[in-house]
Each structure stands twice: as C-alpha cells, then as structure tokens.
PDB file of N, CA and C in Angstrom:
ATOM      1  N   MET A   1     129.339  77.039 123.879  1.00  0.00           N
ATOM      2  CA  MET A   1     129.190  75.597 123.963  1.00  0.00           C
ATOM      3  C   MET A   1     130.453  74.943 123.393  1.00  0.00           C
ATOM      4  N   PHE A   2     130.849  73.855 123.992  1.00  0.00           N
ATOM      5  CA  PHE A   2     132.083  73.158 123.628  1.00  0.00           C
ATOM      6  C   PHE A   2     132.116  72.792 122.144  1.00  0.00           C
ATOM      7  N   LYS A   3     131.044  72.197 121.653  1.00  0.00           N
ATOM      8  CA  LYS A   3     131.000  71.746 120.256  1.00  0.00           C
ATOM      9  C   LYS A   3     131.222  72.922 119.300  1.00  0.00           C
ATOM     10  N   VAL A   4     130.543  74.005 119.539  1.00  0.00           N
ATOM     11  CA  VAL A   4     130.665  75.185 118.681  1.00  0.00           C
ATOM     12  C   VAL A   4     132.084  75.749 118.747  1.00  0.00           C
ATOM     13  N   ASP A   5     132.644  75.817 119.955  1.00  0.00           N
ATOM     14  CA  ASP A   5     134.015  76.319 120.105  1.00  0.00           C
ATOM     15  C   ASP A   5     135.011  75.460 119.335  1.00  0.00           C
ATOM     16  N   VAL A   6     134.882  74.153 119.460  1.00  0.00           N
ATOM     17  CA  VAL A   6     135.797  73.240 118.761  1.00  0.00           C
ATOM     18  C   VAL A   6     135.668  73.416 117.257  1.00  0.00           C
ATOM     19  N   GLU A   7     134.441  73.442 116.771  1.00  0.00           N
ATOM     20  CA  GLU A   7     134.231  73.556 115.324  1.00  0.00           C
ATOM     21  C   GLU A   7     134.697  74.905 114.784  1.00  0.00           C
ATOM     22  N   ASN A   8     134.488  75.972 115.544  1.00  0.00           N
ATOM     23  CA  ASN A   8     134.948  77.292 115.098  1.00  0.00           C
ATOM     24  C   ASN A   8     136.468  77.391 115.117  1.00  0.00           C
ATOM     25  N   THR A   9     137.081  76.807 116.126  1.00  0.00           N
ATOM     26  CA  THR A   9     138.537  76.867 116.251  1.00  0.00           C
ATOM     27  C   THR A   9     139.228  76.043 115.175  1.00  0.00           C
ATOM     28  N   THR A  10     138.714  74.844 114.935  1.00  0.00           N
ATOM     29  CA  THR A  10     139.370  73.934 113.992  1.00  0.00           C
ATOM     30  C   THR A  10     138.837  74.053 112.575  1.00  0.00           C
ATOM     31  N   ARG A  11     137.695  74.693 112.427  1.00  0.00           N
ATOM     32  CA  ARG A  11     137.003  74.794 111.133  1.00  0.00           C
ATOM     33  C   ARG A  11     136.688  73.414 110.560  1.00  0.00           C
ATOM     34  N   ARG A  12     136.418  72.498 111.471  1.00  0.00           N
ATOM     35  CA  ARG A  12     136.046  71.132 111.083  1.00  0.00           C
ATOM     36  C   ARG A  12     134.860  70.699 111.929  1.00  0.00           C
ATOM     37  N   ARG A  13     134.086  69.795 111.383  1.00  0.00           N
ATOM     38  CA  ARG A  13     132.924  69.270 112.091  1.00  0.00           C
ATOM     39  C   ARG A  13     133.376  68.258 113.141  1.00  0.00           C
ATOM     40  N   LEU A  14     132.806  68.353 114.344  1.00  0.00           N
ATOM     41  CA  LEU A  14     133.119  67.408 115.413  1.00  0.00           C
ATOM     42  C   LEU A  14     132.383  66.103 115.136  1.00  0.00           C
ATOM     43  N   LYS A  15     133.147  65.048 114.876  1.00  0.00           N
ATOM     44  CA  LYS A  15     132.563  63.756 114.515  1.00  0.00           C
ATOM     45  C   LYS A  15     132.637  62.745 115.640  1.00  0.00           C
ATOM     46  N   ARG A  16     133.652  62.882 116.498  1.00  0.00           N
ATOM     47  CA  ARG A  16     133.798  61.927 117.595  1.00  0.00           C
ATOM     48  C   ARG A  16     134.501  62.588 118.765  1.00  0.00           C
ATOM     49  N   ILE A  17     134.264  62.021 119.923  1.00  0.00           N
ATOM     50  CA  ILE A  17     134.905  62.486 121.141  1.00  0.00           C
ATOM     51  C   ILE A  17     135.432  61.265 121.878  1.00  0.00           C
ATOM     52  N   ARG A  18     136.635  61.383 122.407  1.00  0.00           N
ATOM     53  CA  ARG A  18     137.246  60.268 123.135  1.00  0.00           C
ATOM     54  C   ARG A  18     137.349  60.657 124.603  1.00  0.00           C
ATOM     55  N   SER A  19     136.949  59.739 125.474  1.00  0.00           N
ATOM     56  CA  SER A  19     137.016  60.010 126.906  1.00  0.00           C
ATOM     57  C   SER A  19     137.271  58.721 127.667  1.00  0.00           C
ATOM     58  N   ASP A  20     137.566  58.894 128.961  1.00  0.00           N
ATOM     59  CA  ASP A  20     137.651  57.721 129.813  1.00  0.00           C
ATOM     60  C   ASP A  20     136.215  57.341 130.191  1.00  0.00           C
ATOM     61  N   ASN A  21     136.054  56.396 131.058  1.00  0.00           N
ATOM     62  CA  ASN A  21     134.712  55.967 131.453  1.00  0.00           C
ATOM     63  C   ASN A  21     134.227  56.704 132.691  1.00  0.00           C
ATOM     64  N   GLY A  22     134.666  57.948 132.848  1.00  0.00           N
ATOM     65  CA  GLY A  22     134.240  58.756 133.986  1.00  0.00           C
ATOM     66  C   GLY A  22     132.736  58.978 133.959  1.00  0.00           C
ATOM     67  N   GLY A  23     132.151  59.090 135.129  1.00  0.00           N
ATOM     68  CA  GLY A  23     130.702  59.258 135.257  1.00  0.00           C
ATOM     69  C   GLY A  23     130.143  60.432 134.482  1.00  0.00           C
ATOM     70  N   GLU A  24     130.941  61.486 134.335  1.00  0.00           N
ATOM     71  CA  GLU A  24     130.462  62.662 133.607  1.00  0.00           C
ATOM     72  C   GLU A  24     130.282  62.398 132.119  1.00  0.00           C
ATOM     73  N   TYR A  25     130.824  61.280 131.635  1.00  0.00           N
ATOM     74  CA  TYR A  25     130.721  60.947 130.210  1.00  0.00           C
ATOM     75  C   TYR A  25     129.836  59.737 129.935  1.00  0.00           C
ATOM     76  N   THR A  26     129.191  59.213 130.953  1.00  0.00           N
ATOM     77  CA  THR A  26     128.394  58.003 130.748  1.00  0.00           C
ATOM     78  C   THR A  26     126.913  58.205 131.038  1.00  0.00           C
ATOM     79  N   GLY A  27     126.525  59.411 131.374  1.00  0.00           N
ATOM     80  CA  GLY A  27     125.132  59.682 131.710  1.00  0.00           C
ATOM     81  C   GLY A  27     124.209  59.672 130.496  1.00  0.00           C
ATOM     82  N   ARG A  28     122.945  59.486 130.764  1.00  0.00           N
ATOM     83  CA  ARG A  28     121.928  59.424 129.714  1.00  0.00           C
ATOM     84  C   ARG A  28     121.867  60.718 128.903  1.00  0.00           C
ATOM     85  N   LEU A  29     121.879  61.864 129.579  1.00  0.00           N
ATOM     86  CA  LEU A  29     121.778  63.142 128.864  1.00  0.00           C
ATOM     87  C   LEU A  29     122.963  63.365 127.927  1.00  0.00           C
ATOM     88  N   PHE A  30     124.144  63.003 128.392  1.00  0.00           N
ATOM     89  CA  PHE A  30     125.338  63.150 127.554  1.00  0.00           C
ATOM     90  C   PHE A  30     125.229  62.261 126.322  1.00  0.00           C
ATOM     91  N   LYS A  31     124.803  61.021 126.524  1.00  0.00           N
ATOM     92  CA  LYS A  31     124.652  60.081 125.409  1.00  0.00           C
ATOM     93  C   LYS A  31     123.608  60.580 124.415  1.00  0.00           C
ATOM     94  N   GLU A  32     122.503  61.100 124.934  1.00  0.00           N
ATOM     95  CA  GLU A  32     121.449  61.627 124.056  1.00  0.00           C
ATOM     96  C   GLU A  32     121.963  62.818 123.246  1.00  0.00           C
ATOM     97  N   TYR A  33     122.700  63.701 123.899  1.00  0.00           N
ATOM     98  CA  TYR A  33     123.246  64.867 123.210  1.00  0.00           C
ATOM     99  C   TYR A  33     124.156  64.435 122.066  1.00  0.00           C
ATOM    100  N   LEU A  34     125.069  63.511 122.360  1.00  0.00           N
ATOM    101  CA  LEU A  34     125.980  63.039 121.317  1.00  0.00           C
ATOM    102  C   LEU A  34     125.211  62.412 120.164  1.00  0.00           C
ATOM    103  N   SER A  35     124.216  61.630 120.488  1.00  0.00           N
ATOM    104  CA  SER A  35     123.414  60.969 119.461  1.00  0.00           C
ATOM    105  C   SER A  35     122.705  61.995 118.573  1.00  0.00           C
ATOM    106  N   LYS A  36     122.085  62.987 119.187  1.00  0.00           N
ATOM    107  CA  LYS A  36     121.378  64.021 118.421  1.00  0.00           C
ATOM    108  C   LYS A  36     122.324  64.828 117.535  1.00  0.00           C
ATOM    109  N   GLN A  37     123.550  65.018 118.003  1.00  0.00           N
ATOM    110  CA  GLN A  37     124.528  65.795 117.248  1.00  0.00           C
ATOM    111  C   GLN A  37     125.281  64.953 116.221  1.00  0.00           C
ATOM    112  N   GLY A  38     125.055  63.635 116.251  1.00  0.00           N
ATOM    113  CA  GLY A  38     125.751  62.750 115.324  1.00  0.00           C
ATOM    114  C   GLY A  38     127.220  62.568 115.664  1.00  0.00           C
ATOM    115  N   ILE A  39     127.528  62.647 116.953  1.00  0.00           N
ATOM    116  CA  ILE A  39     128.911  62.519 117.422  1.00  0.00           C
ATOM    117  C   ILE A  39     129.114  61.124 118.001  1.00  0.00           C
ATOM    118  N   ARG A  40     130.158  60.458 117.535  1.00  0.00           N
ATOM    119  CA  ARG A  40     130.485  59.115 118.032  1.00  0.00           C
ATOM    120  C   ARG A  40     131.331  59.234 119.301  1.00  0.00           C
ATOM    121  N   HIS A  41     131.005  58.429 120.305  1.00  0.00           N
ATOM    122  CA  HIS A  41     131.728  58.462 121.578  1.00  0.00           C
ATOM    123  C   HIS A  41     132.660  57.264 121.669  1.00  0.00           C
ATOM    124  N   GLU A  42     133.965  57.539 121.710  1.00  0.00           N
ATOM    125  CA  GLU A  42     134.963  56.485 121.875  1.00  0.00           C
ATOM    126  C   GLU A  42     135.432  56.511 123.320  1.00  0.00           C
ATOM    127  N   LYS A  43     135.348  55.366 123.982  1.00  0.00           N
ATOM    128  CA  LYS A  43     135.775  55.282 125.379  1.00  0.00           C
ATOM    129  C   LYS A  43     137.087  54.520 125.464  1.00  0.00           C
ATOM    130  N   THR A  44     138.020  55.054 126.235  1.00  0.00           N
ATOM    131  CA  THR A  44     139.297  54.374 126.421  1.00  0.00           C
ATOM    132  C   THR A  44     139.179  53.374 127.563  1.00  0.00           C
ATOM    133  N   VAL A  45     140.081  52.425 127.570  1.00  0.00           N
ATOM    134  CA  VAL A  45     140.127  51.435 128.634  1.00  0.00           C
ATOM    135  C   VAL A  45     140.727  52.101 129.871  1.00  0.00           C
ATOM    136  N   SER A  46     140.192  51.781 131.035  1.00  0.00           N
ATOM    137  CA  SER A  46     140.685  52.364 132.281  1.00  0.00           C
ATOM    138  C   SER A  46     142.176  52.126 132.465  1.00  0.00           C
ATOM    139  N   TYR A  47     142.833  53.146 132.997  1.00  0.00           N
ATOM    140  CA  TYR A  47     144.255  53.086 133.347  1.00  0.00           C
ATOM    141  C   TYR A  47     145.168  52.781 132.160  1.00  0.00           C
ATOM    142  N   THR A  48     144.804  53.275 130.983  1.00  0.00           N
ATOM    143  CA  THR A  48     145.667  53.132 129.808  1.00  0.00           C
ATOM    144  C   THR A  48     145.831  54.504 129.144  1.00  0.00           C
ATOM    145  N   PRO A  49     146.662  55.365 129.734  1.00  0.00           N
ATOM    146  CA  PRO A  49     146.833  56.710 129.177  1.00  0.00           C
ATOM    147  C   PRO A  49     147.399  56.700 127.763  1.00  0.00           C
ATOM    148  N   GLN A  50     148.011  55.580 127.351  1.00  0.00           N
ATOM    149  CA  GLN A  50     148.562  55.484 126.001  1.00  0.00           C
ATOM    150  C   GLN A  50     147.472  55.668 124.944  1.00  0.00           C
ATOM    151  N   GLN A  51     146.234  55.322 125.276  1.00  0.00           N
ATOM    152  CA  GLN A  51     145.145  55.438 124.309  1.00  0.00           C
ATOM    153  C   GLN A  51     144.744  56.889 124.071  1.00  0.00           C
ATOM    154  N   ASN A  52     145.177  57.772 124.924  1.00  0.00           N
ATOM    155  CA  ASN A  52     144.817  59.175 124.782  1.00  0.00           C
ATOM    156  C   ASN A  52     146.081  60.031 124.877  1.00  0.00           C
ATOM    157  N   GLY A  53     147.075  59.646 124.096  1.00  0.00           N
ATOM    158  CA  GLY A  53     148.401  60.234 124.186  1.00  0.00           C
ATOM    159  C   GLY A  53     148.466  61.739 124.068  1.00  0.00           C
ATOM    160  N   LEU A  54     147.724  62.326 123.132  1.00  0.00           N
ATOM    161  CA  LEU A  54     147.788  63.768 122.924  1.00  0.00           C
ATOM    162  C   LEU A  54     147.327  64.525 124.165  1.00  0.00           C
ATOM    163  N   ALA A  55     146.201  64.125 124.725  1.00  0.00           N
ATOM    164  CA  ALA A  55     145.692  64.794 125.928  1.00  0.00           C
ATOM    165  C   ALA A  55     146.615  64.560 127.114  1.00  0.00           C
ATOM    166  N   GLU A  56     147.121  63.352 127.243  1.00  0.00           N
ATOM    167  CA  GLU A  56     148.028  63.045 128.353  1.00  0.00           C
ATOM    168  C   GLU A  56     149.300  63.879 128.253  1.00  0.00           C
ATOM    169  N   ARG A  57     149.810  64.070 127.057  1.00  0.00           N
ATOM    170  CA  ARG A  57     151.016  64.881 126.877  1.00  0.00           C
ATOM    171  C   ARG A  57     150.739  66.335 127.225  1.00  0.00           C
ATOM    172  N   MET A  58     149.563  66.827 126.839  1.00  0.00           N
ATOM    173  CA  MET A  58     149.193  68.202 127.173  1.00  0.00           C
ATOM    174  C   MET A  58     149.107  68.365 128.688  1.00  0.00           C
ATOM    175  N   ASN A  59     148.501  67.401 129.366  1.00  0.00           N
ATOM    176  CA  ASN A  59     148.414  67.461 130.829  1.00  0.00           C
ATOM    177  C   ASN A  59     149.807  67.488 131.450  1.00  0.00           C
ATOM    178  N   ARG A  60     150.695  66.666 130.938  1.00  0.00           N
ATOM    179  CA  ARG A  60     152.066  66.632 131.459  1.00  0.00           C
ATOM    180  C   ARG A  60     152.755  67.984 131.266  1.00  0.00           C
ATOM    181  N   SER A  61     152.573  68.573 130.089  1.00  0.00           N
ATOM    182  CA  SER A  61     153.181  69.880 129.824  1.00  0.00           C
ATOM    183  C   SER A  61     152.657  70.941 130.786  1.00  0.00           C
ATOM    184  N   LEU A  62     151.357  70.914 131.056  1.00  0.00           N
ATOM    185  CA  LEU A  62     150.772  71.890 131.981  1.00  0.00           C
ATOM    186  C   LEU A  62     151.341  71.740 133.387  1.00  0.00           C
ATOM    187  N   VAL A  63     151.473  70.499 133.838  1.00  0.00           N
ATOM    188  CA  VAL A  63     152.041  70.246 135.168  1.00  0.00           C
ATOM    189  C   VAL A  63     153.486  70.731 135.221  1.00  0.00           C
ATOM    190  N   GLU A  64     154.251  70.451 134.174  1.00  0.00           N
ATOM    191  CA  GLU A  64     155.648  70.888 134.143  1.00  0.00           C
ATOM    192  C   GLU A  64     155.759  72.412 134.152  1.00  0.00           C
ATOM    193  N   MET A  65     154.892  73.088 133.408  1.00  0.00           N
ATOM    194  CA  MET A  65     154.915  74.553 133.396  1.00  0.00           C
ATOM    195  C   MET A  65     154.550  75.114 134.766  1.00  0.00           C
ATOM    196  N   ALA A  66     153.551  74.503 135.408  1.00  0.00           N
ATOM    197  CA  ALA A  66     153.150  74.961 136.742  1.00  0.00           C
ATOM    198  C   ALA A  66     154.298  74.790 137.735  1.00  0.00           C
ATOM    199  N   ARG A  67     154.991  73.672 137.654  1.00  0.00           N
ATOM    200  CA  ARG A  67     156.143  73.447 138.540  1.00  0.00           C
ATOM    201  C   ARG A  67     157.220  74.511 138.322  1.00  0.00           C
ATOM    202  N   CYS A  68     157.490  74.820 137.072  1.00  0.00           N
ATOM    203  CA  CYS A  68     158.499  75.838 136.760  1.00  0.00           C
ATOM    204  C   CYS A  68     158.099  77.198 137.321  1.00  0.00           C
ATOM    205  N   MET A  69     156.826  77.555 137.182  1.00  0.00           N
ATOM    206  CA  MET A  69     156.367  78.845 137.692  1.00  0.00           C
ATOM    207  C   MET A  69     156.474  78.896 139.211  1.00  0.00           C
ATOM    208  N   LEU A  70     156.093  77.808 139.875  1.00  0.00           N
ATOM    209  CA  LEU A  70     156.202  77.762 141.334  1.00  0.00           C
ATOM    210  C   LEU A  70     157.660  77.887 141.769  1.00  0.00           C
ATOM    211  N   TYR A  71     158.528  77.162 141.098  1.00  0.00           N
ATOM    212  CA  TYR A  71     159.957  77.204 141.429  1.00  0.00           C
ATOM    213  C   TYR A  71     160.514  78.610 141.222  1.00  0.00           C
ATOM    214  N   HIS A  72     160.152  79.205 140.092  1.00  0.00           N
ATOM    215  CA  HIS A  72     160.638  80.546 139.758  1.00  0.00           C
ATOM    216  C   HIS A  72     160.218  81.574 140.808  1.00  0.00           C
ATOM    217  N   GLU A  73     159.019  81.418 141.338  1.00  0.00           N
ATOM    218  CA  GLU A  73     158.504  82.359 142.337  1.00  0.00           C
ATOM    219  C   GLU A  73     158.934  82.000 143.757  1.00  0.00           C
ATOM    220  N   GLY A  74     159.643  80.875 143.905  1.00  0.00           N
ATOM    221  CA  GLY A  74     160.120  80.473 145.224  1.00  0.00           C
ATOM    222  C   GLY A  74     159.026  79.932 146.130  1.00  0.00           C
ATOM    223  N   ILE A  75     157.971  79.422 145.525  1.00  0.00           N
ATOM    224  CA  ILE A  75     156.848  78.891 146.307  1.00  0.00           C
ATOM    225  C   ILE A  75     157.123  77.431 146.628  1.00  0.00           C
ATOM    226  N   ASN A  76     156.890  77.063 147.864  1.00  0.00           N
ATOM    227  CA  ASN A  76     157.095  75.694 148.323  1.00  0.00           C
ATOM    228  C   ASN A  76     156.217  74.744 147.529  1.00  0.00           C
ATOM    229  N   LYS A  77     156.767  73.600 147.110  1.00  0.00           N
ATOM    230  CA  LYS A  77     156.006  72.645 146.292  1.00  0.00           C
ATOM    231  C   LYS A  77     154.822  72.040 147.040  1.00  0.00           C
ATOM    232  N   ASN A  78     154.815  72.132 148.369  1.00  0.00           N
ATOM    233  CA  ASN A  78     153.697  71.594 149.159  1.00  0.00           C
ATOM    234  C   ASN A  78     152.567  72.597 149.329  1.00  0.00           C
ATOM    235  N   TRP A  79     152.729  73.793 148.764  1.00  0.00           N
ATOM    236  CA  TRP A  79     151.709  74.817 148.900  1.00  0.00           C
ATOM    237  C   TRP A  79     150.476  74.400 148.240  1.00  0.00           C
TER     238      TRP A  79
END
C-alpha cells in the first residue's frame, strides 16, 4: 500500500498529500480513506505546476532521461 511504502521509506508518518484536482483524487472513497488515516489533502490550482515543483522537476528529469536513452539507442523520437 502506498501509505505504508512512504512511511517505511521515509521513516516518517504521512500527514498530508498534495495533488491536482484530477478525478482520481476527488472521489468519495479516496476522501474517506484520507479522513480515516488522518491525512490532510492539499489540492493545487489547475495549470500551476509551480505549486508542485518537486514532482514537476522529477517528471522533467524522467522525460529527459527517456529522451537520452532513445537517442543513445538510435530510436526515432516519433516511435
């Protein structure tokens, strides 16, 4: 489970989670789960990646690494 993995990896209690307003984060079951676990849900404003800088930077790094691997292997970027 995500919560257990995060807490075991960081050795800290998960107190809050930040997400966009995507449908997967706004459902009743998700809200109930967070409430039962005592986790606060922070929602970012749409189209403002600055509010989630760490995750956005990680995504950028992953894309850059994927591009490098494709280039190194000679794979067409449209593949």
